[in-house]
Amino acid sequence: MSIAIIAVGSELLLGQIANTNGQFLSKVFNEIGQNVLEHKVIGDNKKRLESSVRHALEKYDTVILTGGLGPTKDDLTKHTVAQIVGKDLVIDEPSLNILKAILRNKDKK
């Protein structure tokens, strides 16, 4: 299986934080005998993100995106991927309920 990892976030390009997600994922995939063939870092730019994802989808068996998933306007990953695959974003209620329960339990500690 060929794998590309795309890390999203201008803070990565500016050197404000390290791409530890990419490093961790590469290590894990290597340990299970899978080949990460490309790492890419994209800033918070919709056109460049869309172009990079489309290119990776054509070239690799698996494309993993990390970052760009927060609540701010510059977090474009989920909306861009939804547009590329022609799907609407939806909230999965069972998953949301699990997360709420985890957070409630965490607040009690």
PDB file of N, CA and C in Angstrom:
ATOM      1  N   MET A   1       0.847  -1.170   0.000  1.00  0.00           N
ATOM      2  CA  MET A   1       0.000   0.000   0.000  1.00  0.00           C
ATOM      3  C   MET A   1       0.895   1.237   0.000  1.00  0.00           C
ATOM      4  N   SER A   2       0.601   2.180  -0.852  1.00  0.00           N
ATOM      5  CA  SER A   2       1.345   3.442  -0.882  1.00  0.00           C
ATOM      6  C   SER A   2       0.548   4.499  -0.123  1.00  0.00           C
ATOM      7  N   ILE A   3       1.254   5.267   0.691  1.00  0.00           N
ATOM      8  CA  ILE A   3       0.605   6.219   1.594  1.00  0.00           C
ATOM      9  C   ILE A   3       1.236   7.596   1.445  1.00  0.00           C
ATOM     10  N   ALA A   4       0.382   8.618   1.427  1.00  0.00           N
ATOM     11  CA  ALA A   4       0.825  10.008   1.506  1.00  0.00           C
ATOM     12  C   ALA A   4       0.239  10.616   2.771  1.00  0.00           C
ATOM     13  N   ILE A   5       1.035  11.412   3.449  1.00  0.00           N
ATOM     14  CA  ILE A   5       0.572  12.134   4.632  1.00  0.00           C
ATOM     15  C   ILE A   5       0.652  13.622   4.322  1.00  0.00           C
ATOM     16  N   ILE A   6      -0.480  14.294   4.456  1.00  0.00           N
ATOM     17  CA  ILE A   6      -0.539  15.737   4.233  1.00  0.00           C
ATOM     18  C   ILE A   6      -0.862  16.406   5.560  1.00  0.00           C
ATOM     19  N   ALA A   7       0.064  17.227   6.029  1.00  0.00           N
ATOM     20  CA  ALA A   7      -0.142  17.990   7.259  1.00  0.00           C
ATOM     21  C   ALA A   7      -0.585  19.396   6.873  1.00  0.00           C
ATOM     22  N   VAL A   8      -1.631  19.870   7.515  1.00  0.00           N
ATOM     23  CA  VAL A   8      -2.219  21.157   7.156  1.00  0.00           C
ATOM     24  C   VAL A   8      -2.046  22.143   8.303  1.00  0.00           C
ATOM     25  N   GLY A   9      -1.537  23.320   7.978  1.00  0.00           N
ATOM     26  CA  GLY A   9      -1.426  24.380   8.976  1.00  0.00           C
ATOM     27  C   GLY A   9      -0.278  25.318   8.679  1.00  0.00           C
ATOM     28  N   SER A  10      -0.586  26.585   8.574  1.00  0.00           N
ATOM     29  CA  SER A  10       0.459  27.578   8.320  1.00  0.00           C
ATOM     30  C   SER A  10       1.496  27.600   9.435  1.00  0.00           C
ATOM     31  N   GLU A  11       1.068  27.255  10.658  1.00  0.00           N
ATOM     32  CA  GLU A  11       2.011  27.239  11.783  1.00  0.00           C
ATOM     33  C   GLU A  11       3.122  26.216  11.572  1.00  0.00           C
ATOM     34  N   LEU A  12       2.846  25.175  10.793  1.00  0.00           N
ATOM     35  CA  LEU A  12       3.883  24.193  10.455  1.00  0.00           C
ATOM     36  C   LEU A  12       4.887  24.797   9.472  1.00  0.00           C
ATOM     37  N   LEU A  13       4.372  25.493   8.466  1.00  0.00           N
ATOM     38  CA  LEU A  13       5.256  26.105   7.466  1.00  0.00           C
ATOM     39  C   LEU A  13       6.113  27.219   8.062  1.00  0.00           C
ATOM     40  N   LEU A  14       5.556  27.911   9.038  1.00  0.00           N
ATOM     41  CA  LEU A  14       6.277  29.027   9.652  1.00  0.00           C
ATOM     42  C   LEU A  14       7.258  28.580  10.731  1.00  0.00           C
ATOM     43  N   GLY A  15       7.289  27.278  11.002  1.00  0.00           N
ATOM     44  CA  GLY A  15       8.203  26.756  12.004  1.00  0.00           C
ATOM     45  C   GLY A  15       7.771  27.027  13.431  1.00  0.00           C
ATOM     46  N   GLN A  16       6.511  27.401  13.610  1.00  0.00           N
ATOM     47  CA  GLN A  16       6.010  27.681  14.954  1.00  0.00           C
ATOM     48  C   GLN A  16       5.795  26.402  15.755  1.00  0.00           C
ATOM     49  N   ILE A  17       5.467  25.318  15.055  1.00  0.00           N
ATOM     50  CA  ILE A  17       5.356  24.007  15.696  1.00  0.00           C
ATOM     51  C   ILE A  17       5.949  22.960  14.763  1.00  0.00           C
ATOM     52  N   ALA A  18       6.348  21.844  15.324  1.00  0.00           N
ATOM     53  CA  ALA A  18       6.921  20.749  14.534  1.00  0.00           C
ATOM     54  C   ALA A  18       5.810  19.821  14.050  1.00  0.00           C
ATOM     55  N   ASN A  19       6.064  19.155  12.938  1.00  0.00           N
ATOM     56  CA  ASN A  19       5.102  18.206  12.372  1.00  0.00           C
ATOM     57  C   ASN A  19       5.264  16.841  13.057  1.00  0.00           C
ATOM     58  N   THR A  20       4.936  16.781  14.321  1.00  0.00           N
ATOM     59  CA  THR A  20       5.086  15.533  15.068  1.00  0.00           C
ATOM     60  C   THR A  20       4.056  14.487  14.643  1.00  0.00           C
ATOM     61  N   ASN A  21       2.908  14.931  14.134  1.00  0.00           N
ATOM     62  CA  ASN A  21       1.911  13.963  13.659  1.00  0.00           C
ATOM     63  C   ASN A  21       2.465  13.146  12.496  1.00  0.00           C
ATOM     64  N   GLY A  22       3.091  13.814  11.542  1.00  0.00           N
ATOM     65  CA  GLY A  22       3.669  13.117  10.395  1.00  0.00           C
ATOM     66  C   GLY A  22       4.748  12.137  10.819  1.00  0.00           C
ATOM     67  N   GLN A  23       5.581  12.556  11.746  1.00  0.00           N
ATOM     68  CA  GLN A  23       6.646  11.685  12.252  1.00  0.00           C
ATOM     69  C   GLN A  23       6.053  10.450  12.925  1.00  0.00           C
ATOM     70  N   PHE A  24       5.062  10.653  13.779  1.00  0.00           N
ATOM     71  CA  PHE A  24       4.432   9.542  14.490  1.00  0.00           C
ATOM     72  C   PHE A  24       3.759   8.577  13.515  1.00  0.00           C
ATOM     73  N   LEU A  25       2.986   9.110  12.576  1.00  0.00           N
ATOM     74  CA  LEU A  25       2.282   8.250  11.620  1.00  0.00           C
ATOM     75  C   LEU A  25       3.259   7.448  10.768  1.00  0.00           C
ATOM     76  N   SER A  26       4.327   8.075  10.315  1.00  0.00           N
ATOM     77  CA  SER A  26       5.330   7.356   9.516  1.00  0.00           C
ATOM     78  C   SER A  26       5.944   6.210  10.304  1.00  0.00           C
ATOM     79  N   LYS A  27       6.247   6.463  11.555  1.00  0.00           N
ATOM     80  CA  LYS A  27       6.830   5.422  12.411  1.00  0.00           C
ATOM     81  C   LYS A  27       5.867   4.247  12.559  1.00  0.00           C
ATOM     82  N   VAL A  28       4.612   4.534  12.832  1.00  0.00           N
ATOM     83  CA  VAL A  28       3.618   3.475  13.022  1.00  0.00           C
ATOM     84  C   VAL A  28       3.422   2.674  11.738  1.00  0.00           C
ATOM     85  N   PHE A  29       3.297   3.359  10.615  1.00  0.00           N
ATOM     86  CA  PHE A  29       3.112   2.637   9.351  1.00  0.00           C
ATOM     87  C   PHE A  29       4.329   1.790   9.010  1.00  0.00           C
ATOM     88  N   ASN A  30       5.517   2.316   9.262  1.00  0.00           N
ATOM     89  CA  ASN A  30       6.732   1.550   9.018  1.00  0.00           C
ATOM     90  C   ASN A  30       6.761   0.288   9.877  1.00  0.00           C
ATOM     91  N   GLU A  31       6.349   0.412  11.126  1.00  0.00           N
ATOM     92  CA  GLU A  31       6.347  -0.736  12.037  1.00  0.00           C
ATOM     93  C   GLU A  31       5.407  -1.850  11.578  1.00  0.00           C
ATOM     94  N   ILE A  32       4.362  -1.498  10.844  1.00  0.00           N
ATOM     95  CA  ILE A  32       3.432  -2.532  10.361  1.00  0.00           C
ATOM     96  C   ILE A  32       3.672  -2.867   8.885  1.00  0.00           C
ATOM     97  N   GLY A  33       4.820  -2.421   8.375  1.00  0.00           N
ATOM     98  CA  GLY A  33       5.227  -2.808   7.032  1.00  0.00           C
ATOM     99  C   GLY A  33       4.563  -2.061   5.895  1.00  0.00           C
ATOM    100  N   GLN A  34       4.062  -0.866   6.172  1.00  0.00           N
ATOM    101  CA  GLN A  34       3.432  -0.062   5.123  1.00  0.00           C
ATOM    102  C   GLN A  34       4.373   1.069   4.709  1.00  0.00           C
ATOM    103  N   ASN A  35       4.230   1.504   3.474  1.00  0.00           N
ATOM    104  CA  ASN A  35       5.167   2.473   2.907  1.00  0.00           C
ATOM    105  C   ASN A  35       4.575   3.873   2.824  1.00  0.00           C
ATOM    106  N   VAL A  36       5.120   4.786   3.611  1.00  0.00           N
ATOM    107  CA  VAL A  36       4.789   6.197   3.452  1.00  0.00           C
ATOM    108  C   VAL A  36       5.747   6.735   2.403  1.00  0.00           C
ATOM    109  N   LEU A  37       5.201   7.146   1.272  1.00  0.00           N
ATOM    110  CA  LEU A  37       6.035   7.578   0.155  1.00  0.00           C
ATOM    111  C   LEU A  37       6.134   9.091   0.028  1.00  0.00           C
ATOM    112  N   GLU A  38       5.243   9.802   0.709  1.00  0.00           N
ATOM    113  CA  GLU A  38       5.304  11.261   0.604  1.00  0.00           C
ATOM    114  C   GLU A  38       4.776  11.910   1.871  1.00  0.00           C
ATOM    115  N   HIS A  39       5.500  12.942   2.295  1.00  0.00           N
ATOM    116  CA  HIS A  39       5.048  13.859   3.343  1.00  0.00           C
ATOM    117  C   HIS A  39       4.891  15.213   2.675  1.00  0.00           C
ATOM    118  N   LYS A  40       3.832  15.900   2.999  1.00  0.00           N
ATOM    119  CA  LYS A  40       3.652  17.242   2.462  1.00  0.00           C
ATOM    120  C   LYS A  40       3.063  18.115   3.562  1.00  0.00           C
ATOM    121  N   VAL A  41       3.511  19.351   3.611  1.00  0.00           N
ATOM    122  CA  VAL A  41       2.941  20.326   4.536  1.00  0.00           C
ATOM    123  C   VAL A  41       2.330  21.437   3.698  1.00  0.00           C
ATOM    124  N   ILE A  42       1.068  21.720   3.975  1.00  0.00           N
ATOM    125  CA  ILE A  42       0.323  22.746   3.249  1.00  0.00           C
ATOM    126  C   ILE A  42      -0.141  23.790   4.253  1.00  0.00           C
ATOM    127  N   GLY A  43       0.034  25.046   3.910  1.00  0.00           N
ATOM    128  CA  GLY A  43      -0.484  26.107   4.771  1.00  0.00           C
ATOM    129  C   GLY A  43      -1.996  26.182   4.691  1.00  0.00           C
ATOM    130  N   ASP A  44      -2.556  27.081   5.445  1.00  0.00           N
ATOM    131  CA  ASP A  44      -4.007  27.240   5.483  1.00  0.00           C
ATOM    132  C   ASP A  44      -4.474  27.995   4.236  1.00  0.00           C
ATOM    133  N   ASN A  45      -4.478  27.285   3.116  1.00  0.00           N
ATOM    134  CA  ASN A  45      -4.863  27.858   1.828  1.00  0.00           C
ATOM    135  C   ASN A  45      -5.709  26.832   1.085  1.00  0.00           C
ATOM    136  N   LYS A  46      -6.973  27.165   0.854  1.00  0.00           N
ATOM    137  CA  LYS A  46      -7.929  26.214   0.286  1.00  0.00           C
ATOM    138  C   LYS A  46      -7.501  25.696  -1.084  1.00  0.00           C
ATOM    139  N   LYS A  47      -7.067  26.565  -1.972  1.00  0.00           N
ATOM    140  CA  LYS A  47      -6.700  26.132  -3.333  1.00  0.00           C
ATOM    141  C   LYS A  47      -5.512  25.174  -3.321  1.00  0.00           C
ATOM    142  N   ARG A  48      -4.490  25.504  -2.538  1.00  0.00           N
ATOM    143  CA  ARG A  48      -3.321  24.617  -2.472  1.00  0.00           C
ATOM    144  C   ARG A  48      -3.660  23.295  -1.802  1.00  0.00           C
ATOM    145  N   LEU A  49      -4.509  23.346  -0.783  1.00  0.00           N
ATOM    146  CA  LEU A  49      -4.924  22.114  -0.113  1.00  0.00           C
ATOM    147  C   LEU A  49      -5.709  21.231  -1.073  1.00  0.00           C
ATOM    148  N   GLU A  50      -6.650  21.813  -1.776  1.00  0.00           N
ATOM    149  CA  GLU A  50      -7.448  21.038  -2.733  1.00  0.00           C
ATOM    150  C   GLU A  50      -6.564  20.418  -3.811  1.00  0.00           C
ATOM    151  N   SER A  51      -5.645  21.183  -4.348  1.00  0.00           N
ATOM    152  CA  SER A  51      -4.741  20.678  -5.377  1.00  0.00           C
ATOM    153  C   SER A  51      -3.887  19.529  -4.850  1.00  0.00           C
ATOM    154  N   SER A  52      -3.358  19.686  -3.652  1.00  0.00           N
ATOM    155  CA  SER A  52      -2.503  18.646  -3.069  1.00  0.00           C
ATOM    156  C   SER A  52      -3.276  17.371  -2.775  1.00  0.00           C
ATOM    157  N   VAL A  53      -4.486  17.504  -2.255  1.00  0.00           N
ATOM    158  CA  VAL A  53      -5.299  16.321  -1.952  1.00  0.00           C
ATOM    159  C   VAL A  53      -5.680  15.603  -3.236  1.00  0.00           C
ATOM    160  N   ARG A  54      -6.116  16.346  -4.238  1.00  0.00           N
ATOM    161  CA  ARG A  54      -6.485  15.716  -5.517  1.00  0.00           C
ATOM    162  C   ARG A  54      -5.291  14.966  -6.124  1.00  0.00           C
ATOM    163  N   HIS A  55      -4.136  15.587  -6.104  1.00  0.00           N
ATOM    164  CA  HIS A  55      -2.926  14.955  -6.641  1.00  0.00           C
ATOM    165  C   HIS A  55      -2.607  13.673  -5.874  1.00  0.00           C
ATOM    166  N   ALA A  56      -2.659  13.742  -4.553  1.00  0.00           N
ATOM    167  CA  ALA A  56      -2.340  12.571  -3.727  1.00  0.00           C
ATOM    168  C   ALA A  56      -3.350  11.451  -3.945  1.00  0.00           C
ATOM    169  N   LEU A  57      -4.624  11.787  -4.089  1.00  0.00           N
ATOM    170  CA  LEU A  57      -5.650  10.766  -4.323  1.00  0.00           C
ATOM    171  C   LEU A  57      -5.424  10.033  -5.644  1.00  0.00           C
ATOM    172  N   GLU A  58      -4.894  10.735  -6.629  1.00  0.00           N
ATOM    173  CA  GLU A  58      -4.603  10.107  -7.927  1.00  0.00           C
ATOM    174  C   GLU A  58      -3.364   9.218  -7.863  1.00  0.00           C
ATOM    175  N   LYS A  59      -2.425   9.561  -6.996  1.00  0.00           N
ATOM    176  CA  LYS A  59      -1.115   8.918  -7.003  1.00  0.00           C
ATOM    177  C   LYS A  59      -0.949   7.801  -5.966  1.00  0.00           C
ATOM    178  N   TYR A  60      -1.649   7.875  -4.836  1.00  0.00           N
ATOM    179  CA  TYR A  60      -1.427   6.954  -3.721  1.00  0.00           C
ATOM    180  C   TYR A  60      -2.684   6.164  -3.381  1.00  0.00           C
ATOM    181  N   ASP A  61      -2.466   4.994  -2.777  1.00  0.00           N
ATOM    182  CA  ASP A  61      -3.591   4.163  -2.338  1.00  0.00           C
ATOM    183  C   ASP A  61      -4.330   4.792  -1.163  1.00  0.00           C
ATOM    184  N   THR A  62      -3.576   5.407  -0.269  1.00  0.00           N
ATOM    185  CA  THR A  62      -4.146   5.976   0.951  1.00  0.00           C
ATOM    186  C   THR A  62      -3.584   7.373   1.163  1.00  0.00           C
ATOM    187  N   VAL A  63      -4.470   8.304   1.505  1.00  0.00           N
ATOM    188  CA  VAL A  63      -4.062   9.673   1.800  1.00  0.00           C
ATOM    189  C   VAL A  63      -4.562  10.009   3.200  1.00  0.00           C
ATOM    190  N   ILE A  64      -3.637  10.411   4.052  1.00  0.00           N
ATOM    191  CA  ILE A  64      -3.978  10.764   5.426  1.00  0.00           C
ATOM    192  C   ILE A  64      -3.720  12.253   5.611  1.00  0.00           C
ATOM    193  N   LEU A  65      -4.729  12.945   6.127  1.00  0.00           N
ATOM    194  CA  LEU A  65      -4.591  14.365   6.417  1.00  0.00           C
ATOM    195  C   LEU A  65      -4.601  14.568   7.915  1.00  0.00           C
ATOM    196  N   THR A  66      -3.736  15.460   8.365  1.00  0.00           N
ATOM    197  CA  THR A  66      -3.681  15.792   9.778  1.00  0.00           C
ATOM    198  C   THR A  66      -3.610  17.308   9.899  1.00  0.00           C
ATOM    199  N   GLY A  67      -4.348  17.845  10.845  1.00  0.00           N
ATOM    200  CA  GLY A  67      -4.362  19.289  11.042  1.00  0.00           C
ATOM    201  C   GLY A  67      -5.468  19.967  10.258  1.00  0.00           C
ATOM    202  N   GLY A  68      -5.649  21.242  10.562  1.00  0.00           N
ATOM    203  CA  GLY A  68      -6.676  22.016   9.879  1.00  0.00           C
ATOM    204  C   GLY A  68      -8.087  21.590  10.231  1.00  0.00           C
ATOM    205  N   LEU A  69      -8.265  21.056  11.437  1.00  0.00           N
ATOM    206  CA  LEU A  69      -9.567  20.505  11.817  1.00  0.00           C
ATOM    207  C   LEU A  69     -10.214  21.235  12.987  1.00  0.00           C
ATOM    208  N   GLY A  70      -9.678  22.360  13.367  1.00  0.00           N
ATOM    209  CA  GLY A  70     -10.228  23.085  14.512  1.00  0.00           C
ATOM    210  C   GLY A  70     -11.448  23.920  14.149  1.00  0.00           C
ATOM    211  N   PRO A  71     -11.884  24.766  15.079  1.00  0.00           N
ATOM    212  CA  PRO A  71     -13.106  25.545  14.881  1.00  0.00           C
ATOM    213  C   PRO A  71     -12.898  26.915  14.237  1.00  0.00           C
ATOM    214  N   THR A  72     -11.660  27.279  13.913  1.00  0.00           N
ATOM    215  CA  THR A  72     -11.420  28.616  13.377  1.00  0.00           C
ATOM    216  C   THR A  72     -11.563  28.643  11.860  1.00  0.00           C
ATOM    217  N   LYS A  73     -11.684  29.860  11.313  1.00  0.00           N
ATOM    218  CA  LYS A  73     -11.922  30.010   9.870  1.00  0.00           C
ATOM    219  C   LYS A  73     -10.775  29.487   9.012  1.00  0.00           C
ATOM    220  N   ASP A  74      -9.566  29.450   9.563  1.00  0.00           N
ATOM    221  CA  ASP A  74      -8.432  28.979   8.767  1.00  0.00           C
ATOM    222  C   ASP A  74      -8.303  27.456   8.768  1.00  0.00           C
ATOM    223  N   ASP A  75      -9.176  26.771   9.476  1.00  0.00           N
ATOM    224  CA  ASP A  75      -9.161  25.307   9.504  1.00  0.00           C
ATOM    225  C   ASP A  75     -10.064  24.781   8.393  1.00  0.00           C
ATOM    226  N   LEU A  76      -9.445  24.420   7.274  1.00  0.00           N
ATOM    227  CA  LEU A  76     -10.162  24.151   6.026  1.00  0.00           C
ATOM    228  C   LEU A  76     -10.267  22.687   5.646  1.00  0.00           C
ATOM    229  N   THR A  77      -9.617  21.806   6.363  1.00  0.00           N
ATOM    230  CA  THR A  77      -9.466  20.425   5.906  1.00  0.00           C
ATOM    231  C   THR A  77     -10.796  19.733   5.665  1.00  0.00           C
ATOM    232  N   LYS A  78     -11.656  19.701   6.656  1.00  0.00           N
ATOM    233  CA  LYS A  78     -12.891  18.916   6.517  1.00  0.00           C
ATOM    234  C   LYS A  78     -13.779  19.459   5.404  1.00  0.00           C
ATOM    235  N   HIS A  79     -13.882  20.774   5.271  1.00  0.00           N
ATOM    236  CA  HIS A  79     -14.732  21.350   4.226  1.00  0.00           C
ATOM    237  C   HIS A  79     -14.152  21.099   2.836  1.00  0.00           C
ATOM    238  N   THR A  80     -12.846  21.190   2.728  1.00  0.00           N
ATOM    239  CA  THR A  80     -12.193  20.958   1.438  1.00  0.00           C
ATOM    240  C   THR A  80     -12.331  19.507   1.007  1.00  0.00           C
ATOM    241  N   VAL A  81     -12.108  18.577   1.913  1.00  0.00           N
ATOM    242  CA  VAL A  81     -12.240  17.153   1.578  1.00  0.00           C
ATOM    243  C   VAL A  81     -13.686  16.823   1.226  1.00  0.00           C
ATOM    244  N   ALA A  82     -14.639  17.364   1.972  1.00  0.00           N
ATOM    245  CA  ALA A  82     -16.054  17.117   1.660  1.00  0.00           C
ATOM    246  C   ALA A  82     -16.384  17.594   0.253  1.00  0.00           C
ATOM    247  N   GLN A  83     -15.858  18.735  -0.121  1.00  0.00           N
ATOM    248  CA  GLN A  83     -16.086  19.265  -1.468  1.00  0.00           C
ATOM    249  C   GLN A  83     -15.460  18.350  -2.518  1.00  0.00           C
ATOM    250  N   ILE A  84     -14.251  17.891  -2.288  1.00  0.00           N
ATOM    251  CA  ILE A  84     -13.555  17.035  -3.251  1.00  0.00           C
ATOM    252  C   ILE A  84     -14.319  15.740  -3.490  1.00  0.00           C
ATOM    253  N   VAL A  85     -14.830  15.135  -2.419  1.00  0.00           N
ATOM    254  CA  VAL A  85     -15.521  13.844  -2.565  1.00  0.00           C
ATOM    255  C   VAL A  85     -17.017  14.003  -2.808  1.00  0.00           C
ATOM    256  N   GLY A  86     -17.501  15.239  -2.847  1.00  0.00           N
ATOM    257  CA  GLY A  86     -18.906  15.486  -3.149  1.00  0.00           C
ATOM    258  C   GLY A  86     -19.869  15.041  -2.065  1.00  0.00           C
ATOM    259  N   LYS A  87     -19.473  15.205  -0.821  1.00  0.00           N
ATOM    260  CA  LYS A  87     -20.314  14.803   0.313  1.00  0.00           C
ATOM    261  C   LYS A  87     -20.531  15.989   1.249  1.00  0.00           C
ATOM    262  N   ASP A  88     -21.675  15.977   1.930  1.00  0.00           N
ATOM    263  CA  ASP A  88     -21.948  16.977   2.954  1.00  0.00           C
ATOM    264  C   ASP A  88     -21.354  16.518   4.277  1.00  0.00           C
ATOM    265  N   LEU A  89     -20.939  17.480   5.076  1.00  0.00           N
ATOM    266  CA  LEU A  89     -20.498  17.162   6.428  1.00  0.00           C
ATOM    267  C   LEU A  89     -21.727  16.902   7.291  1.00  0.00           C
ATOM    268  N   VAL A  90     -21.658  15.880   8.111  1.00  0.00           N
ATOM    269  CA  VAL A  90     -22.756  15.562   9.024  1.00  0.00           C
ATOM    270  C   VAL A  90     -22.180  15.280  10.408  1.00  0.00           C
ATOM    271  N   ILE A  91     -22.995  15.486  11.406  1.00  0.00           N
ATOM    272  CA  ILE A  91     -22.606  15.135  12.771  1.00  0.00           C
ATOM    273  C   ILE A  91     -23.138  13.742  13.054  1.00  0.00           C
ATOM    274  N   ASP A  92     -22.247  12.861  13.445  1.00  0.00           N
ATOM    275  CA  ASP A  92     -22.632  11.504  13.811  1.00  0.00           C
ATOM    276  C   ASP A  92     -23.008  11.519  15.292  1.00  0.00           C
ATOM    277  N   GLU A  93     -24.301  11.460  15.562  1.00  0.00           N
ATOM    278  CA  GLU A  93     -24.800  11.603  16.934  1.00  0.00           C
ATOM    279  C   GLU A  93     -24.221  10.572  17.907  1.00  0.00           C
ATOM    280  N   PRO A  94     -24.145   9.275  17.543  1.00  0.00           N
ATOM    281  CA  PRO A  94     -23.548   8.319  18.492  1.00  0.00           C
ATOM    282  C   PRO A  94     -22.106   8.681  18.865  1.00  0.00           C
ATOM    283  N   SER A  95     -21.326   9.106  17.890  1.00  0.00           N
ATOM    284  CA  SER A  95     -19.938   9.506  18.181  1.00  0.00           C
ATOM    285  C   SER A  95     -19.904  10.761  19.040  1.00  0.00           C
ATOM    286  N   LEU A  96     -20.780  11.706  18.743  1.00  0.00           N
ATOM    287  CA  LEU A  96     -20.852  12.935  19.532  1.00  0.00           C
ATOM    288  C   LEU A  96     -21.201  12.622  20.983  1.00  0.00           C
ATOM    289  N   ASN A  97     -22.129  11.714  21.188  1.00  0.00           N
ATOM    290  CA  ASN A  97     -22.513  11.338  22.553  1.00  0.00           C
ATOM    291  C   ASN A  97     -21.361  10.680  23.306  1.00  0.00           C
ATOM    292  N   ILE A  98     -20.579   9.867  22.615  1.00  0.00           N
ATOM    293  CA  ILE A  98     -19.407   9.244  23.243  1.00  0.00           C
ATOM    294  C   ILE A  98     -18.407  10.316  23.671  1.00  0.00           C
ATOM    295  N   LEU A  99     -18.150  11.275  22.783  1.00  0.00           N
ATOM    296  CA  LEU A  99     -17.213  12.351  23.112  1.00  0.00           C
ATOM    297  C   LEU A  99     -17.707  13.184  24.289  1.00  0.00           C
ATOM    298  N   LYS A 100     -19.007  13.469  24.311  1.00  0.00           N
ATOM    299  CA  LYS A 100     -19.566  14.234  25.429  1.00  0.00           C
ATOM    300  C   LYS A 100     -19.386  13.483  26.744  1.00  0.00           C
ATOM    301  N   ALA A 101     -19.607  12.176  26.722  1.00  0.00           N
ATOM    302  CA  ALA A 101     -19.441  11.366  27.933  1.00  0.00           C
ATOM    303  C   ALA A 101     -17.988  11.375  28.401  1.00  0.00           C
ATOM    304  N   ILE A 102     -17.069  11.268  27.463  1.00  0.00           N
ATOM    305  CA  ILE A 102     -15.644  11.305  27.811  1.00  0.00           C
ATOM    306  C   ILE A 102     -15.294  12.639  28.465  1.00  0.00           C
ATOM    307  N   LEU A 103     -15.779  13.727  27.887  1.00  0.00           N
ATOM    308  CA  LEU A 103     -15.483  15.049  28.436  1.00  0.00           C
ATOM    309  C   LEU A 103     -16.126  15.249  29.802  1.00  0.00           C
ATOM    310  N   ARG A 104     -17.343  14.748  29.986  1.00  0.00           N
ATOM    311  CA  ARG A 104     -17.991  14.846  31.303  1.00  0.00           C
ATOM    312  C   ARG A 104     -17.164  14.112  32.355  1.00  0.00           C
ATOM    313  N   ASN A 105     -16.714  12.915  32.017  1.00  0.00           N
ATOM    314  CA  ASN A 105     -15.903  12.132  32.959  1.00  0.00           C
ATOM    315  C   ASN A 105     -14.567  12.804  33.242  1.00  0.00           C
ATOM    316  N   LYS A 106     -14.001  13.420  32.224  1.00  0.00           N
ATOM    317  CA  LYS A 106     -12.719  14.104  32.393  1.00  0.00           C
ATOM    318  C   LYS A 106     -12.876  15.301  33.332  1.00  0.00           C
ATOM    319  N   ASP A 107     -13.987  16.024  33.193  1.00  0.00           N
ATOM    320  CA  ASP A 107     -14.226  17.188  34.050  1.00  0.00           C
ATOM    321  C   ASP A 107     -14.409  16.797  35.509  1.00  0.00           C
ATOM    322  N   LYS A 108     -14.871  15.576  35.769  1.00  0.00           N
ATOM    323  CA  LYS A 108     -15.093  15.112  37.139  1.00  0.00           C
ATOM    324  C   LYS A 108     -13.791  14.790  37.852  1.00  0.00           C
ATOM    325  N   LYS A 109     -12.731  14.541  37.099  1.00  0.00           N
ATOM    326  CA  LYS A 109     -11.447  14.146  37.701  1.00  0.00           C
ATOM    327  C   LYS A 109     -10.652  15.337  38.153  1.00  0.00           C
TER     328      LYS A 109
END
